[in-house]
Amino acid sequence: MEQVMTKRDIREFKAEEPPVTTQTPVTTPEAPAAPPLPEPLRGDPAMIALPTVIAGAVGLFLTTIGFVPASAGLAAIPVILAATVLGLLISTIWEAMLGQNVVATLYAVFLGFYASYVALQLGIANNWYKIPPDQIGNTVAVYLICWLVAIVMLTVATLRLPAAFTILLGLVDVVLAVLLVTIYQPSAALQTVAGLLVFAFVAEGIYLYFHVMSLAFGGKGLPLGKPLIAA
């Protein structure tokens, strides 16, 4: 049988019901997100690589055009060894740690080029390699051929980069080819041409440095041109 609720039961039932409120619930504001932790590697390695490469290239330009006599042919070595090689070593490792493999290979190639130039010049000057005097020209030619092949390969492989980088690498290709010709056909005119091409390389490097500096200051950067091959 159904049980009939007494007045006492009804009062107890109503007392157990939760109170009804018309107040709007208070929402606790969320705490702002914590700022990201600083990353030690955050930044642009080009800020180190480009100015040190430019300094070394200026040294090569001055020695190539005969600013110093042949007896002072090692005049650019201190700048290249202490600034360019060190700067490129730091930048190459930094880019690799950031996972920027294409830029890392660019820096690594130039690092090898400059470091081996120092080794070549110091080795010949101090007779470290015991190269006969009549084979010095061929030794320099080996150096030029090795790097001409490597940098032409790099130029072709990076045609998907903006045109400014292709121009930069193309200038190096032409300089190496001209210097190689002068080994077997000495020519003051060709030597001057090679020097002017190195100066053009310096000018292109300065342009790229202004580009990365513009980006560092929050600007848009400079136009770098469209890639010759679309990505």
Protein backbone atom coordinates (compact mmCIF):
# COMPACT_ATOMS: atom_id res chain seq x y z
CA MET A 1 0.00 0.00 0.00
CA GLU A 2 1.06 3.45 -0.69
CA GLN A 3 2.13 5.36 2.38
CA VAL A 4 0.50 8.75 3.03
CA MET A 5 2.96 11.50 3.95
CA THR A 6 2.14 13.30 7.17
CA LYS A 7 2.57 17.03 7.68
CA ARG A 8 5.73 16.29 9.63
CA ASP A 9 7.16 14.28 6.74
CA ILE A 10 6.41 17.13 4.31
CA ARG A 11 8.20 19.67 6.53
CA GLU A 12 11.27 17.43 6.81
CA PHE A 13 11.34 16.86 3.03
CA LYS A 14 11.26 20.59 2.30
CA ALA A 15 14.05 21.20 4.81
CA GLU A 16 16.30 18.79 2.92
CA GLU A 17 15.85 20.62 -0.42
CA PRO A 18 18.81 22.88 -1.42
CA PRO A 19 18.09 26.59 -1.03
CA VAL A 20 17.20 28.45 -4.22
CA THR A 21 19.27 31.53 -4.91
CA THR A 22 18.92 34.20 -7.57
CA GLN A 23 22.46 35.51 -7.22
CA THR A 24 24.75 35.30 -10.27
CA PRO A 25 27.64 32.89 -9.65
CA VAL A 26 30.97 34.62 -9.22
CA THR A 27 33.54 33.59 -11.84
CA THR A 28 37.11 33.61 -10.66
CA PRO A 29 39.33 35.10 -13.42
CA GLU A 30 41.97 32.75 -14.73
CA ALA A 31 45.55 33.58 -13.91
CA PRO A 32 47.50 34.88 -16.92
CA ALA A 33 49.64 32.30 -18.68
CA ALA A 34 53.22 32.25 -17.53
CA PRO A 35 55.65 33.74 -20.02
CA PRO A 36 57.69 31.17 -21.97
CA LEU A 37 60.99 30.29 -20.48
CA PRO A 38 63.93 31.96 -22.19
CA GLU A 39 65.75 29.77 -24.71
CA PRO A 40 69.54 30.11 -24.66
CA LEU A 41 69.73 29.47 -28.41
CA ARG A 42 67.00 31.92 -29.40
CA GLY A 43 68.29 34.43 -31.94
CA ASP A 44 69.74 34.58 -35.43
CA PRO A 45 73.22 33.13 -35.98
CA ALA A 46 73.50 35.23 -39.15
CA MET A 47 74.13 38.21 -36.88
CA ILE A 48 77.50 36.64 -36.14
CA ALA A 49 78.21 34.84 -39.41
CA LEU A 50 77.66 37.67 -41.88
CA PRO A 51 79.88 40.41 -40.39
CA THR A 52 82.74 37.99 -39.79
CA VAL A 53 82.48 36.63 -43.35
CA ILE A 54 82.45 40.18 -44.68
CA ALA A 55 85.58 41.06 -42.71
CA GLY A 56 87.41 38.04 -44.09
CA ALA A 57 86.25 38.76 -47.64
CA VAL A 58 87.53 42.33 -47.39
CA GLY A 59 90.91 40.91 -46.44
CA LEU A 60 90.85 38.61 -49.46
CA PHE A 61 89.83 41.53 -51.68
CA LEU A 62 92.76 43.65 -50.55
CA THR A 63 95.29 40.87 -51.01
CA THR A 64 93.82 39.85 -54.38
CA ILE A 65 94.09 43.34 -55.91
CA GLY A 66 97.66 43.72 -54.66
CA PHE A 67 97.01 46.23 -51.90
CA VAL A 68 99.92 44.57 -50.11
CA PRO A 69 103.02 43.15 -51.85
CA ALA A 70 103.39 39.42 -52.44
CA SER A 71 105.82 39.23 -49.52
CA ALA A 72 102.89 40.24 -47.24
CA GLY A 73 100.44 37.78 -48.74
CA LEU A 74 99.50 36.52 -45.28
CA ALA A 75 98.20 39.94 -44.25
CA ALA A 76 94.56 38.78 -44.16
CA ILE A 77 95.25 35.63 -42.14
CA PRO A 78 94.82 37.20 -38.65
CA VAL A 79 91.37 38.54 -39.54
CA ILE A 80 90.27 35.33 -41.26
CA LEU A 81 91.55 33.03 -38.52
CA ALA A 82 90.52 35.01 -35.44
CA ALA A 83 87.23 36.43 -36.75
CA THR A 84 85.86 34.67 -39.81
CA VAL A 85 86.71 31.07 -38.92
CA LEU A 86 85.66 31.50 -35.29
CA GLY A 87 82.45 33.32 -36.20
CA LEU A 88 81.47 30.68 -38.76
CA LEU A 89 82.25 27.86 -36.36
CA ILE A 90 79.93 29.34 -33.74
CA SER A 91 77.21 30.09 -36.31
CA THR A 92 77.37 26.65 -37.93
CA ILE A 93 76.96 24.84 -34.60
CA TRP A 94 74.22 27.26 -33.55
CA GLU A 95 72.22 26.77 -36.76
CA ALA A 96 72.57 23.00 -36.53
CA MET A 97 71.26 23.04 -32.95
CA LEU A 98 68.29 25.11 -34.10
CA GLY A 99 67.58 22.53 -36.79
CA GLN A 100 68.26 25.01 -39.61
CA ASN A 101 70.10 22.48 -41.74
CA VAL A 102 70.18 24.43 -45.01
CA VAL A 103 71.74 27.49 -43.41
CA ALA A 104 74.06 25.27 -41.38
CA THR A 105 75.43 23.68 -44.55
CA LEU A 106 75.96 27.12 -46.09
CA TYR A 107 77.96 28.25 -43.08
CA ALA A 108 79.84 24.95 -42.90
CA VAL A 109 80.98 25.24 -46.51
CA PHE A 110 82.27 28.78 -45.98
CA LEU A 111 83.88 27.68 -42.72
CA GLY A 112 85.75 24.96 -44.57
CA PHE A 113 86.71 27.35 -47.35
CA TYR A 114 88.21 29.95 -45.01
CA ALA A 115 89.81 27.46 -42.61
CA SER A 116 91.48 25.55 -45.42
CA TYR A 117 92.65 28.85 -46.94
CA VAL A 118 94.42 29.62 -43.67
CA ALA A 119 95.92 26.12 -43.60
CA LEU A 120 97.05 26.46 -47.22
CA GLN A 121 98.68 29.86 -46.82
CA LEU A 122 100.39 29.10 -43.52
CA GLY A 123 101.47 25.68 -44.72
CA ILE A 124 103.07 27.01 -47.87
CA ALA A 125 104.71 29.94 -46.11
CA ASN A 126 106.21 27.70 -43.43
CA ASN A 127 106.83 24.67 -45.65
CA TRP A 128 104.70 22.46 -43.41
CA TYR A 129 103.69 20.16 -46.26
CA LYS A 130 107.14 19.86 -47.87
CA ILE A 131 105.73 20.83 -51.26
CA PRO A 132 108.43 21.41 -53.91
CA PRO A 133 108.56 25.04 -55.05
CA ASP A 134 107.67 24.10 -58.62
CA GLN A 135 104.42 22.49 -57.37
CA ILE A 136 103.11 25.43 -55.38
CA GLY A 137 100.95 26.56 -58.29
CA ASN A 138 99.41 23.11 -58.67
CA THR A 139 98.80 22.95 -54.93
CA VAL A 140 96.86 26.22 -55.05
CA ALA A 141 95.00 24.89 -58.08
CA VAL A 142 93.95 21.80 -56.12
CA TYR A 143 92.54 24.07 -53.42
CA LEU A 144 90.65 26.17 -55.96
CA ILE A 145 89.26 23.17 -57.85
CA CYS A 146 88.07 21.46 -54.67
CA TRP A 147 86.15 24.50 -53.52
CA LEU A 148 84.91 25.38 -56.98
CA VAL A 149 83.28 21.95 -57.22
CA ALA A 150 81.86 22.17 -53.69
CA ILE A 151 80.43 25.68 -54.03
CA VAL A 152 79.00 25.11 -57.53
CA MET A 153 77.29 22.05 -56.06
CA LEU A 154 75.97 24.19 -53.20
CA THR A 155 74.81 26.89 -55.61
CA VAL A 156 72.75 24.43 -57.64
CA ALA A 157 71.41 22.65 -54.57
CA THR A 158 70.14 25.91 -53.03
CA LEU A 159 68.35 27.39 -56.03
CA ARG A 160 65.16 27.25 -53.96
CA LEU A 161 66.56 29.95 -51.69
CA PRO A 162 65.87 33.63 -52.47
CA ALA A 163 67.84 34.97 -55.43
CA ALA A 164 70.16 37.02 -53.21
CA PHE A 165 71.79 33.83 -51.93
CA THR A 166 72.17 32.45 -55.45
CA ILE A 167 73.91 35.67 -56.50
CA LEU A 168 76.21 35.46 -53.48
CA LEU A 169 77.24 31.88 -54.21
CA GLY A 170 77.46 32.55 -57.95
CA LEU A 171 79.97 35.32 -57.32
CA VAL A 172 82.15 32.91 -55.35
CA ASP A 173 81.96 30.39 -58.21
CA VAL A 174 83.15 32.95 -60.74
CA VAL A 175 85.92 34.26 -58.47
CA LEU A 176 87.31 30.75 -57.97
CA ALA A 177 87.15 30.04 -61.69
CA VAL A 178 88.98 33.28 -62.56
CA LEU A 179 91.67 32.67 -59.94
CA LEU A 180 92.13 29.15 -61.27
CA VAL A 181 92.77 30.53 -64.75
CA THR A 182 95.35 32.97 -63.39
CA ILE A 183 97.35 30.05 -61.93
CA TYR A 184 98.23 28.84 -65.43
CA GLN A 185 97.79 32.09 -67.37
CA PRO A 186 98.97 34.92 -65.11
CA SER A 187 97.21 38.14 -65.96
CA ALA A 188 97.04 41.38 -64.04
CA ALA A 189 93.71 42.13 -65.69
CA LEU A 190 92.19 38.83 -64.56
CA GLN A 191 93.57 39.37 -61.09
CA THR A 192 91.83 42.75 -61.00
CA VAL A 193 88.60 41.17 -62.25
CA ALA A 194 88.81 38.59 -59.46
CA GLY A 195 89.34 41.37 -56.93
CA LEU A 196 86.31 43.28 -58.19
CA LEU A 197 84.19 40.14 -57.99
CA VAL A 198 85.29 39.66 -54.38
CA PHE A 199 84.25 43.28 -53.75
CA ALA A 200 80.84 42.49 -55.28
CA PHE A 201 80.61 39.53 -52.90
CA VAL A 202 81.35 41.90 -50.00
CA ALA A 203 78.63 44.29 -51.19
CA GLU A 204 76.11 41.44 -51.42
CA GLY A 205 77.09 40.27 -47.94
CA ILE A 206 76.55 43.77 -46.56
CA TYR A 207 73.10 43.85 -48.17
CA LEU A 208 72.19 40.57 -46.47
CA TYR A 209 73.51 41.88 -43.16
CA PHE A 210 71.27 44.95 -43.43
CA HIS A 211 68.41 42.53 -44.10
CA VAL A 212 68.94 40.50 -40.91
CA MET A 213 69.50 43.69 -38.90
CA SER A 214 66.21 45.06 -40.16
CA LEU A 215 64.46 41.88 -39.05
CA ALA A 216 66.19 42.04 -35.67
CA PHE A 217 64.78 45.53 -35.11
CA GLY A 218 61.29 44.35 -35.97
CA GLY A 219 61.30 45.57 -39.58
CA LYS A 220 60.28 43.75 -42.74
CA GLY A 221 63.77 43.13 -44.00
CA LEU A 222 65.05 43.90 -47.48
CA PRO A 223 63.86 42.30 -50.72
CA LEU A 224 65.88 39.16 -51.45
CA GLY A 225 64.33 38.24 -54.79
CA LYS A 226 62.34 35.23 -55.84
CA PRO A 227 63.97 31.79 -55.93
CA LEU A 228 65.00 30.55 -59.35
CA ILE A 229 63.22 27.29 -58.58
CA ALA A 230 59.88 27.39 -56.80
CA ALA A 231 59.74 25.40 -53.58
